[in-house]
Amino acid sequence: MIAYQIRDATGNLVAIHERHDGPDGKEFVWKQPDGSAGLRGTPAAGLPLYRSESLEESAQVVVVAEGERAADAIAAAGFHALGTTCGAASTPSLQALEVLRGRDVVLWPDADDVGRKHMTRIAGLLEPVARRILWVDPSGRATGWDAADADAATLGTLVEHAHELPTLAPEPADLAEPPIVWTVGDLAALPSAEEEYIIAEGILTRGGKLLIYAKSGAGKTTLLDFLAGPLSTGRPFLGRYAIDRERRVLVIQGELSIPEMSSHAQQLVAAGFTDDRLMFTRMIDLRLPNGEAKLRKLIDEFRAEIVALDPWYRMFSGESSDKPEQVGVVFDVCDRLLEDELVEAVIVVHHANVTGLRTAGSWLFEGWPSTIMRLETVAGVPAQRILTFEKIRAPSSSLLGERVAIALGDAGYLPVAPTEAAIGAGVTLARLVVAEAGGQLHRKELIARLMVRAHVKERAANKYLGQAVQARHLRAVPDGAEKVYQLTEGDGE
């Protein structure tokens, strides 16, 4: 076993990275400076580069290798050397790369496709940091070959002949990094979803993807405010659902004006959410995936642990949100932020379709998130909202399908006793049609019957159905790809 000490530029011990070599290959284990296991939520990408404390101010040329062993080999040959510690599938943060500012940087990739991609991503982040970026070419070496496999003479020759960063051709799909395969025992030993809860009941987990949606004017952004506020302070969400600890939350607003953003901030401050961990920025020109580097830089610079995008469509660069292949590239950016451990969770705000009961656009808006919360107005009760936990992937959560009546007060959104809404003719008819069908009816059939009975078009029938659900006279229950609408208790006899 080899224990590598990861220190910052001032010499403070930040973490210990243990390498265990065995008959089945190598294994790495992270430990705290006190010897306790894990990184306690700190992403490996945010750790300093290995040997950062050894870098002299006068060092003009620095070699960056993949991993501690390779960095030690280069240093032993007489060069200033640092090593990445996050693994080739991830990328060091800008803060970690700051020690390279103003220097010539020689990037030494391992002789494999993953290693080349790793160093290419680092090169992109170093462009505004390094004075010059050079590249060691390991072509012709055995797969996985690195600096630790070379003798001193070869090391010196390769560094001295480093050249400008090459333009790399797109990687063929069959050269992608192979998937990890676990035995059932190994998989069961990993942290479970319940152990990774950020908000109780699995509303948000580490690596989680939460989507809030509603019709225009229902208050999506305000709900986001009073979700981000508790996440930044550790106060319970809705005054009810515990949060494990406070976090740095960055809300990226793409729609509101600055005065409108200020009004929202004033509401948060009045409710006691004043911690500097809650941050906002206005980016009306952020388009993903093209703006991914800009987004990553912002997250890294402000050390955000959770990022929220409001609203989704302002971050979209495609032609149609109905096309999954165009929607997917935006969600791919969010997935990469999570996979690279740049953030712990992503929150997205989106619009509902005309019924208010489904997300607008592609099926990916329902397939991608781990949690979906739907916000609805209450007919006849302007101050009240209904928050439905439409999807929660966390297996032990009891909130799936739960509807909570909430109202905005001095302390933010809090649960209230549901107020009976005024019942319109459309609600009465929707309830009657379901009752006549025996108490439940599939959505398509229900809409068709409403159109015939009320002599209205589909849009109006959808509105009646939505109002009946909001008034809590009907409830929607998933049935495969469809939904079945049922009478609520006490409404069918």
Protein backbone atom coordinates (compact mmCIF):
# COMPACT_ATOMS: atom_id res chain seq x y z
CA MET A 1 0.00 0.00 0.00
CA ILE A 2 1.20 3.50 -0.85
CA ALA A 3 -0.35 6.53 0.86
CA TYR A 4 -0.13 9.75 -1.16
CA GLN A 5 -0.61 12.95 0.81
CA ILE A 6 -2.67 15.55 -1.04
CA ARG A 7 -1.71 19.02 0.15
CA ASP A 8 -2.67 22.49 -0.99
CA ALA A 9 -0.11 25.03 -2.22
CA THR A 10 0.56 26.21 1.35
CA GLY A 11 1.30 22.69 2.57
CA ASN A 12 -1.94 21.98 4.44
CA LEU A 13 -2.88 18.31 4.34
CA VAL A 14 -6.28 18.04 2.62
CA ALA A 15 -6.69 14.30 2.00
CA ILE A 16 -4.84 10.99 1.76
CA HIS A 17 -5.08 8.83 -1.36
CA GLU A 18 -4.16 5.21 -0.73
CA ARG A 19 -3.15 2.91 -3.56
CA HIS A 20 -3.56 -0.82 -2.97
CA ASP A 21 -2.02 -3.17 -5.55
CA GLY A 22 -3.25 -6.75 -5.55
CA PRO A 23 -3.67 -9.79 -7.80
CA ASP A 24 -6.87 -8.29 -9.23
CA GLY A 25 -5.26 -4.95 -10.06
CA LYS A 26 -5.05 -1.62 -8.27
CA GLU A 27 -7.60 -0.05 -5.96
CA PHE A 28 -7.70 3.49 -4.56
CA VAL A 29 -9.16 4.57 -1.21
CA TRP A 30 -9.71 8.15 -0.04
CA LYS A 31 -9.18 9.12 3.58
CA GLN A 32 -9.41 12.26 5.65
CA PRO A 33 -6.25 13.78 7.22
CA ASP A 34 -7.28 12.13 10.52
CA GLY A 35 -7.42 8.72 8.86
CA SER A 36 -11.21 8.41 8.69
CA ALA A 37 -12.67 7.06 5.46
CA GLY A 38 -14.02 9.09 2.54
CA LEU A 39 -13.99 12.72 1.49
CA ARG A 40 -17.16 13.73 3.40
CA GLY A 41 -18.89 15.10 0.33
CA THR A 42 -15.89 16.93 -1.12
CA PRO A 43 -15.65 16.11 -4.85
CA ALA A 44 -12.29 14.63 -5.88
CA ALA A 45 -12.21 17.12 -8.76
CA GLY A 46 -12.03 19.94 -6.20
CA LEU A 47 -8.92 18.62 -4.44
CA PRO A 48 -5.48 20.17 -5.07
CA LEU A 49 -3.17 18.61 -7.62
CA TYR A 50 -0.72 16.15 -6.08
CA ARG A 51 2.63 17.81 -5.15
CA SER A 52 1.12 21.35 -5.31
CA GLU A 53 3.01 22.24 -2.12
CA SER A 54 6.36 21.41 -3.79
CA LEU A 55 5.93 23.83 -6.67
CA GLU A 56 8.43 26.66 -6.34
CA GLU A 57 7.42 30.17 -7.36
CA SER A 58 10.37 30.26 -9.77
CA ALA A 59 9.26 27.13 -11.63
CA GLN A 60 8.62 28.17 -15.22
CA VAL A 61 7.89 24.76 -16.75
CA VAL A 62 5.64 22.24 -14.97
CA VAL A 63 4.70 18.76 -16.16
CA VAL A 64 1.19 17.56 -15.28
CA ALA A 65 0.65 13.80 -15.31
CA GLU A 66 -2.29 11.53 -14.61
CA GLY A 67 -1.97 10.25 -11.07
CA GLU A 68 0.49 10.43 -8.21
CA ARG A 69 2.81 7.60 -9.27
CA ALA A 70 3.52 9.19 -12.68
CA ALA A 71 4.07 12.62 -11.10
CA ASP A 72 6.61 11.18 -8.64
CA ALA A 73 8.51 9.51 -11.50
CA ILE A 74 8.73 12.79 -13.44
CA ALA A 75 9.85 14.67 -10.33
CA ALA A 76 12.53 12.04 -9.66
CA ALA A 77 13.93 12.77 -13.13
CA GLY A 78 14.51 16.40 -12.12
CA PHE A 79 11.38 18.14 -13.44
CA HIS A 80 8.72 20.15 -11.64
CA ALA A 81 5.75 17.79 -11.70
CA LEU A 82 2.16 17.66 -10.48
CA GLY A 83 -0.41 14.86 -10.72
CA THR A 84 -4.16 14.82 -11.09
CA THR A 85 -5.98 12.91 -8.35
CA CYS A 86 -9.57 12.79 -9.57
CA GLY A 87 -9.22 9.94 -12.06
CA ALA A 88 -9.13 10.19 -15.85
CA ALA A 89 -12.92 10.15 -16.16
CA SER A 90 -13.11 13.45 -14.26
CA THR A 91 -11.39 16.84 -14.54
CA PRO A 92 -9.58 18.94 -11.89
CA SER A 93 -11.29 22.17 -10.92
CA LEU A 94 -10.07 25.61 -11.97
CA GLN A 95 -9.15 26.25 -8.36
CA ALA A 96 -6.86 23.19 -8.39
CA LEU A 97 -5.25 24.37 -11.65
CA GLU A 98 -4.63 27.89 -10.35
CA VAL A 99 -1.10 26.89 -9.17
CA LEU A 100 -0.17 26.69 -12.87
CA ARG A 101 -1.04 30.30 -13.64
CA GLY A 102 1.56 32.07 -15.77
CA ARG A 103 3.70 28.96 -16.32
CA ASP A 104 4.48 26.74 -19.29
CA VAL A 105 2.52 23.53 -18.72
CA VAL A 106 3.48 20.19 -20.27
CA LEU A 107 0.54 17.78 -20.26
CA TRP A 108 1.50 14.09 -20.15
CA PRO A 109 -1.47 11.82 -20.92
CA ASP A 110 -1.45 8.09 -20.29
CA ALA A 111 -1.22 6.08 -23.49
CA ASP A 112 -4.93 5.40 -23.82
CA ASP A 113 -8.04 7.15 -25.06
CA VAL A 114 -9.35 8.00 -21.60
CA GLY A 115 -6.01 9.58 -20.70
CA ARG A 116 -5.94 11.70 -23.85
CA LYS A 117 -9.48 12.93 -23.21
CA HIS A 118 -8.55 13.71 -19.60
CA MET A 119 -5.62 15.92 -20.60
CA THR A 120 -7.55 17.51 -23.48
CA ARG A 121 -10.23 18.70 -21.04
CA ILE A 122 -7.53 20.06 -18.73
CA ALA A 123 -5.96 21.90 -21.68
CA GLY A 124 -9.29 23.64 -22.32
CA LEU A 125 -9.45 24.87 -18.72
CA LEU A 126 -5.78 25.97 -18.79
CA GLU A 127 -6.13 28.25 -21.81
CA PRO A 128 -6.78 31.40 -19.74
CA VAL A 129 -4.42 30.24 -16.96
CA ALA A 130 -1.18 28.89 -18.41
CA ARG A 131 1.34 30.91 -20.35
CA ARG A 132 1.81 28.06 -22.80
CA ILE A 133 0.41 24.55 -23.12
CA LEU A 134 2.56 21.69 -24.48
CA TRP A 135 1.86 18.02 -25.01
CA VAL A 136 3.84 14.81 -24.53
CA ASP A 137 2.97 12.31 -27.23
CA PRO A 138 2.81 8.71 -25.92
CA SER A 139 1.87 7.29 -29.33
CA GLY A 140 3.28 3.86 -30.04
CA ARG A 141 3.45 2.88 -26.37
CA ALA A 142 1.51 0.02 -24.80
CA THR A 143 -2.01 0.85 -23.70
CA GLY A 144 -1.95 2.46 -20.24
CA TRP A 145 1.76 3.30 -20.41
CA ASP A 146 2.67 6.36 -18.37
CA ALA A 147 5.67 8.24 -16.98
CA ALA A 148 6.18 5.69 -14.22
CA ASP A 149 6.92 3.08 -16.89
CA ALA A 150 9.73 5.13 -18.50
CA ASP A 151 13.40 5.34 -17.54
CA ALA A 152 15.03 8.69 -16.74
CA ALA A 153 16.48 9.12 -20.25
CA THR A 154 13.12 8.51 -21.92
CA LEU A 155 11.43 10.88 -19.50
CA GLY A 156 13.87 13.65 -20.31
CA THR A 157 13.60 13.12 -24.06
CA LEU A 158 9.79 13.15 -24.07
CA VAL A 159 9.53 16.29 -21.96
CA GLU A 160 12.18 18.13 -23.99
CA HIS A 161 10.35 17.21 -27.23
CA ALA A 162 6.89 18.19 -26.02
CA HIS A 163 5.00 20.08 -28.71
CA GLU A 164 1.93 22.25 -29.12
CA LEU A 165 -1.39 20.68 -28.20
CA PRO A 166 -2.60 18.57 -31.14
CA THR A 167 -6.07 18.72 -32.64
CA LEU A 168 -7.56 15.38 -31.76
CA ALA A 169 -10.08 13.63 -33.98
CA PRO A 170 -13.41 12.63 -32.40
CA GLU A 171 -13.11 9.36 -30.55
CA PRO A 172 -14.87 6.36 -32.15
CA ALA A 173 -17.77 5.09 -30.08
CA ASP A 174 -16.17 1.65 -29.62
CA LEU A 175 -13.18 3.20 -27.86
CA ALA A 176 -15.30 4.68 -25.09
CA GLU A 177 -14.38 3.86 -21.50
CA PRO A 178 -15.80 0.42 -20.61
CA PRO A 179 -18.60 0.34 -18.04
CA ILE A 180 -17.95 -0.70 -14.45
CA VAL A 181 -19.40 -4.10 -13.54
CA TRP A 182 -20.07 -4.86 -9.85
CA THR A 183 -20.94 -8.11 -8.11
CA VAL A 184 -24.18 -7.87 -6.14
CA GLY A 185 -22.19 -7.88 -2.90
CA ASP A 186 -19.88 -5.07 -4.00
CA LEU A 187 -22.84 -3.02 -5.20
CA ALA A 188 -24.72 -3.55 -1.94
CA ALA A 189 -21.68 -2.28 -0.02
CA LEU A 190 -21.84 1.12 -1.75
CA PRO A 191 -23.77 4.02 -0.10
CA SER A 192 -27.51 3.55 -0.66
CA ALA A 193 -29.90 6.20 -1.92
CA GLU A 194 -31.20 6.69 1.61
CA GLU A 195 -27.68 7.29 2.91
CA GLU A 196 -27.21 9.93 0.22
CA TYR A 197 -30.29 12.03 1.04
CA ILE A 198 -29.83 15.80 0.87
CA ILE A 199 -33.52 16.44 1.62
CA ALA A 200 -35.49 13.93 3.67
CA GLU A 201 -37.78 11.41 1.97
CA GLY A 202 -35.47 11.35 -1.04
CA ILE A 203 -36.77 14.65 -2.43
CA LEU A 204 -33.16 15.41 -3.37
CA THR A 205 -30.16 13.07 -3.15
CA ARG A 206 -26.47 13.39 -3.93
CA GLY A 207 -26.24 13.02 -7.67
CA GLY A 208 -29.92 13.88 -7.83
CA LYS A 209 -31.79 15.65 -10.63
CA LEU A 210 -34.87 17.57 -9.50
CA LEU A 211 -37.37 19.11 -11.92
CA ILE A 212 -40.01 21.67 -10.89
CA TYR A 213 -42.75 22.39 -13.40
CA ALA A 214 -45.98 24.39 -13.56
CA LYS A 215 -48.04 26.55 -15.87
CA SER A 216 -46.97 30.14 -16.42
CA GLY A 217 -47.72 32.37 -13.45
CA ALA A 218 -48.15 29.54 -10.96
CA GLY A 219 -45.03 30.53 -9.02
CA LYS A 220 -42.29 28.13 -10.17
CA THR A 221 -39.49 30.61 -9.50
CA THR A 222 -40.82 31.45 -6.05
CA LEU A 223 -40.95 27.75 -5.20
CA LEU A 224 -37.36 27.44 -6.40
CA ASP A 225 -36.42 30.38 -4.16
CA PHE A 226 -37.85 28.64 -1.11
CA LEU A 227 -36.14 25.40 -2.07
CA ALA A 228 -32.73 27.05 -2.63
CA GLY A 229 -33.03 29.08 0.60
CA PRO A 230 -33.36 26.02 2.86
CA LEU A 231 -30.62 24.19 0.95
CA SER A 232 -28.26 27.10 1.67
CA THR A 233 -29.13 27.34 5.38
CA GLY A 234 -30.05 23.81 6.39
CA ARG A 235 -33.57 24.86 7.41
CA PRO A 236 -36.26 22.27 6.54
CA PHE A 237 -37.85 22.50 3.09
CA LEU A 238 -41.48 23.65 3.47
CA GLY A 239 -40.78 23.69 7.21
CA ARG A 240 -41.25 19.91 7.13
CA TYR A 241 -38.54 18.01 5.23
CA ALA A 242 -35.11 17.99 6.93
CA ILE A 243 -31.94 18.94 5.03
CA ASP A 244 -28.70 17.18 6.02
CA ARG A 245 -26.49 20.31 5.96
CA GLU A 246 -26.19 23.76 4.39
CA ARG A 247 -24.70 24.04 0.88
CA ARG A 248 -23.54 26.64 -1.60
CA VAL A 249 -26.40 27.03 -4.10
CA LEU A 250 -26.09 28.88 -7.41
CA VAL A 251 -29.33 29.83 -9.19
CA ILE A 252 -28.87 30.71 -12.86
CA GLN A 253 -31.75 32.92 -13.96
CA GLY A 254 -32.35 33.21 -17.69
CA GLU A 255 -35.72 34.94 -17.84
CA LEU A 256 -36.31 37.57 -15.13
CA SER A 257 -35.01 41.13 -15.25
CA ILE A 258 -32.62 42.31 -12.55
CA PRO A 259 -35.38 44.32 -10.76
CA GLU A 260 -37.57 41.20 -10.79
CA MET A 261 -34.69 39.15 -9.38
CA SER A 262 -34.23 41.80 -6.68
CA SER A 263 -37.90 41.47 -5.68
CA HIS A 264 -37.45 37.73 -5.25
CA ALA A 265 -34.28 38.30 -3.21
CA GLN A 266 -36.09 40.78 -0.95
CA GLN A 267 -38.76 38.17 -0.31
CA LEU A 268 -36.08 35.64 0.65
CA VAL A 269 -34.31 38.10 2.96
CA ALA A 270 -37.60 38.97 4.64
CA ALA A 271 -38.11 35.25 5.30
CA GLY A 272 -34.67 35.03 6.94
CA PHE A 273 -32.71 33.45 4.10
CA THR A 274 -29.73 35.80 4.18
CA ASP A 275 -26.76 33.41 4.01
CA ASP A 276 -24.07 34.20 1.43
CA ARG A 277 -24.12 30.54 0.39
CA LEU A 278 -27.24 31.39 -1.64
CA MET A 279 -26.11 33.02 -4.91
CA PHE A 280 -27.86 34.22 -8.07
CA THR A 281 -26.65 35.17 -11.51
CA ARG A 282 -28.48 36.34 -14.64
CA MET A 283 -27.38 34.60 -17.85
CA ILE A 284 -29.88 35.23 -20.62
CA ASP A 285 -27.36 34.14 -23.27
CA LEU A 286 -26.36 30.78 -21.78
CA ARG A 287 -27.07 28.11 -24.37
CA LEU A 288 -26.21 24.49 -23.75
CA PRO A 289 -24.26 22.45 -24.69
CA ASN A 290 -22.17 25.24 -26.29
CA GLY A 291 -22.01 27.17 -23.03
CA GLU A 292 -20.87 24.21 -20.92
CA ALA A 293 -17.34 25.55 -20.38
CA LYS A 294 -18.74 28.92 -19.24
CA LEU A 295 -21.13 27.16 -16.86
CA ARG A 296 -18.36 24.96 -15.43
CA LYS A 297 -16.11 27.95 -14.88
CA LEU A 298 -18.86 29.80 -13.02
CA ILE A 299 -19.68 26.80 -10.81
CA ASP A 300 -16.00 26.30 -10.04
CA GLU A 301 -15.27 29.96 -9.37
CA PHE A 302 -18.09 30.30 -6.83
CA ARG A 303 -17.66 26.76 -5.44
CA ALA A 304 -21.31 25.92 -5.99
CA GLU A 305 -22.42 22.55 -4.64
CA ILE A 306 -25.91 22.68 -6.15
CA VAL A 307 -26.83 24.48 -9.37
CA ALA A 308 -30.35 25.46 -10.47
CA LEU A 309 -31.34 26.42 -14.04
CA ASP A 310 -34.45 28.64 -14.33
CA PRO A 311 -36.11 28.24 -16.75
CA TRP A 312 -34.93 25.30 -18.84
CA TYR A 313 -36.02 26.70 -22.23
CA ARG A 314 -33.69 29.71 -21.88
CA MET A 315 -30.72 27.31 -21.70
CA PHE A 316 -31.90 25.38 -24.77
CA SER A 317 -30.11 25.87 -28.10
CA GLY A 318 -32.12 23.40 -30.19
CA GLU A 319 -35.03 23.98 -32.55
CA SER A 320 -37.75 22.00 -30.74
CA SER A 321 -38.13 20.84 -27.14
CA ASP A 322 -40.34 18.04 -28.48
CA LYS A 323 -37.31 16.31 -29.98
CA PRO A 324 -35.55 14.07 -27.43
CA GLU A 325 -32.25 14.16 -29.31
CA GLN A 326 -32.16 17.96 -28.96
CA VAL A 327 -33.40 18.02 -25.37
CA GLY A 328 -30.99 15.27 -24.41
CA VAL A 329 -27.82 17.26 -25.14
CA VAL A 330 -28.82 19.80 -22.46
CA PHE A 331 -29.48 17.08 -19.91
CA ASP A 332 -26.16 15.49 -20.94
CA VAL A 333 -24.41 18.66 -19.73
CA CYS A 334 -26.17 18.34 -16.37
CA ASP A 335 -25.19 14.68 -16.17
CA ARG A 336 -21.54 15.52 -16.83
CA LEU A 337 -21.57 18.10 -14.02
CA LEU A 338 -22.73 15.33 -11.69
CA GLU A 339 -20.47 12.60 -13.06
CA ASP A 340 -17.42 14.86 -12.77
CA GLU A 341 -18.51 15.64 -9.19
CA LEU A 342 -18.47 19.35 -9.97
CA VAL A 343 -21.83 19.66 -8.20
CA GLU A 344 -23.81 17.38 -5.88
CA ALA A 345 -27.23 17.97 -7.44
CA VAL A 346 -28.95 19.81 -10.31
CA ILE A 347 -32.34 21.54 -10.16
CA VAL A 348 -34.22 22.47 -13.35
CA VAL A 349 -37.37 24.62 -13.68
CA HIS A 350 -39.66 23.95 -16.64
CA HIS A 351 -43.11 24.79 -18.01
CA ALA A 352 -46.19 22.56 -17.99
CA ASN A 353 -48.22 21.75 -21.09
CA VAL A 354 -51.68 23.23 -21.66
CA THR A 355 -53.32 20.90 -19.12
CA GLY A 356 -50.91 21.88 -16.37
CA LEU A 357 -50.60 18.17 -15.52
CA ARG A 358 -47.69 17.16 -17.75
CA THR A 359 -44.36 18.69 -18.66
CA ALA A 360 -44.23 20.50 -21.98
CA GLY A 361 -42.10 18.91 -24.68
CA SER A 362 -40.22 15.62 -24.96
CA TRP A 363 -40.70 12.54 -22.80
CA LEU A 364 -37.17 13.17 -21.50
CA PHE A 365 -38.55 15.83 -19.15
CA GLU A 366 -40.25 12.99 -17.30
CA GLY A 367 -37.60 10.33 -17.86
CA TRP A 368 -34.44 12.27 -16.92
CA PRO A 369 -35.21 13.65 -13.42
CA SER A 370 -34.91 11.58 -10.26
CA THR A 371 -37.58 13.79 -8.64
CA ILE A 372 -40.43 15.74 -10.26
CA MET A 373 -42.50 18.28 -8.34
CA ARG A 374 -45.60 19.76 -9.98
CA LEU A 375 -46.94 23.09 -8.73
CA GLU A 376 -50.58 23.99 -9.39
CA THR A 377 -52.81 26.91 -8.56
CA VAL A 378 -56.06 26.16 -6.70
CA ALA A 379 -59.24 27.20 -8.45
CA GLY A 380 -61.03 29.83 -6.37
CA VAL A 381 -58.23 30.09 -3.78
CA PRO A 382 -55.58 32.48 -5.20
CA ALA A 383 -53.25 32.34 -2.19
CA GLN A 384 -52.94 28.58 -2.17
CA ARG A 385 -50.91 26.12 -4.26
CA ILE A 386 -50.85 22.35 -4.51
CA LEU A 387 -47.40 20.73 -4.68
CA THR A 388 -47.47 17.18 -6.02
CA PHE A 389 -44.50 14.83 -5.69
CA GLU A 390 -45.09 13.30 -9.09
CA LYS A 391 -41.90 11.24 -9.24
CA ILE A 392 -39.38 10.25 -6.57
CA ARG A 393 -36.84 7.65 -7.58
CA ALA A 394 -35.48 7.11 -4.04
CA PRO A 395 -36.82 3.61 -3.23
CA SER A 396 -37.65 4.14 0.45
CA SER A 397 -39.53 7.44 -0.02
CA SER A 398 -43.20 7.51 0.93
CA LEU A 399 -43.94 10.74 -0.95
CA LEU A 400 -44.70 9.39 -4.43
CA GLY A 401 -48.05 10.86 -5.49
CA GLU A 402 -48.35 12.93 -2.28
CA ARG A 403 -50.17 16.27 -2.68
CA VAL A 404 -49.35 19.04 -0.22
CA ALA A 405 -51.35 22.25 0.06
CA ILE A 406 -48.95 25.17 0.57
CA ALA A 407 -49.26 28.92 0.89
CA LEU A 408 -46.68 31.71 0.77
CA GLY A 409 -46.22 33.51 4.08
CA ASP A 410 -43.62 35.52 5.95
CA ALA A 411 -41.40 32.44 6.35
CA GLY A 412 -41.79 31.29 2.73
CA TYR A 413 -43.89 28.42 1.42
CA LEU A 414 -45.35 26.33 4.25
CA PRO A 415 -48.00 23.59 4.34
CA VAL A 416 -51.58 24.66 5.12
CA ALA A 417 -54.91 22.93 5.51
CA PRO A 418 -56.46 22.54 2.03
CA THR A 419 -59.20 25.04 1.31
CA GLU A 420 -62.25 23.81 -0.58
CA ALA A 421 -62.19 25.45 -4.00
CA ALA A 422 -65.19 26.82 -5.81
CA ILE A 423 -66.61 24.10 -8.05
CA GLY A 424 -67.28 25.10 -11.65
CA ALA A 425 -69.49 23.38 -14.20
CA GLY A 426 -66.48 21.78 -15.91
CA VAL A 427 -65.29 20.23 -12.64
CA THR A 428 -68.76 18.95 -11.88
CA LEU A 429 -69.01 17.35 -15.34
CA ALA A 430 -65.57 15.71 -15.10
CA ARG A 431 -66.50 14.22 -11.74
CA LEU A 432 -69.85 13.01 -13.10
CA VAL A 433 -68.29 11.35 -16.17
CA VAL A 434 -65.82 9.41 -14.00
CA ALA A 435 -68.56 8.42 -11.55
CA GLU A 436 -70.71 7.11 -14.41
CA ALA A 437 -67.75 5.00 -15.60
CA GLY A 438 -67.56 3.26 -12.23
CA GLY A 439 -65.15 5.60 -10.45
CA GLN A 440 -62.16 5.56 -12.78
CA LEU A 441 -61.39 6.24 -16.44
CA HIS A 442 -58.30 6.37 -18.64
CA ARG A 443 -57.25 9.85 -19.66
CA LYS A 444 -57.90 9.55 -23.41
CA GLU A 445 -61.39 8.17 -22.88
CA LEU A 446 -62.19 10.79 -20.24
CA ILE A 447 -61.12 13.65 -22.52
CA ALA A 448 -63.15 12.22 -25.40
CA ARG A 449 -66.30 11.95 -23.24
CA LEU A 450 -65.88 15.47 -21.88
CA MET A 451 -65.59 16.84 -25.43
CA VAL A 452 -68.85 15.12 -26.42
CA ARG A 453 -70.83 15.91 -23.26
CA ALA A 454 -69.74 19.55 -22.98
CA HIS A 455 -69.54 20.20 -26.74
CA VAL A 456 -66.04 21.64 -26.34
CA LYS A 457 -62.67 21.17 -28.00
CA GLU A 458 -59.83 19.15 -26.51
CA ARG A 459 -58.11 22.19 -24.95
CA ALA A 460 -61.20 23.06 -22.88
CA ALA A 461 -61.71 19.41 -21.88
CA ASN A 462 -58.11 19.31 -20.64
CA LYS A 463 -58.78 22.44 -18.62
CA TYR A 464 -61.85 20.90 -16.97
CA LEU A 465 -59.81 17.82 -16.08
CA GLY A 466 -57.01 19.92 -14.65
CA GLN A 467 -59.44 21.93 -12.52
CA ALA A 468 -61.07 18.75 -11.20
CA VAL A 469 -57.68 17.47 -10.08
CA GLN A 470 -56.75 20.83 -8.54
CA ALA A 471 -60.05 20.87 -6.65
CA ARG A 472 -59.18 17.35 -5.40
CA HIS A 473 -62.31 15.73 -6.84
CA LEU A 474 -60.21 13.51 -9.12
CA ARG A 475 -56.75 12.04 -8.73
CA ALA A 476 -54.36 10.77 -11.41
CA VAL A 477 -52.81 7.31 -10.99
CA PRO A 478 -50.08 6.03 -13.36
CA ASP A 479 -51.06 3.01 -15.45
CA GLY A 480 -48.12 2.11 -17.65
CA ALA A 481 -47.65 4.83 -20.27
CA GLU A 482 -51.10 6.29 -19.49
CA LYS A 483 -52.86 7.77 -16.48
CA VAL A 484 -56.11 6.66 -14.91
CA TYR A 485 -58.28 9.31 -13.25
CA GLN A 486 -60.18 8.20 -10.18
CA LEU A 487 -62.70 9.77 -7.85
CA THR A 488 -61.16 10.81 -4.56
CA GLU A 489 -62.44 9.28 -1.33
CA GLY A 490 -65.93 10.36 -0.43
CA ASP A 491 -66.71 11.53 -3.95
CA GLY A 492 -67.97 8.37 -5.59
CA GLU A 493 -71.01 7.17 -3.65
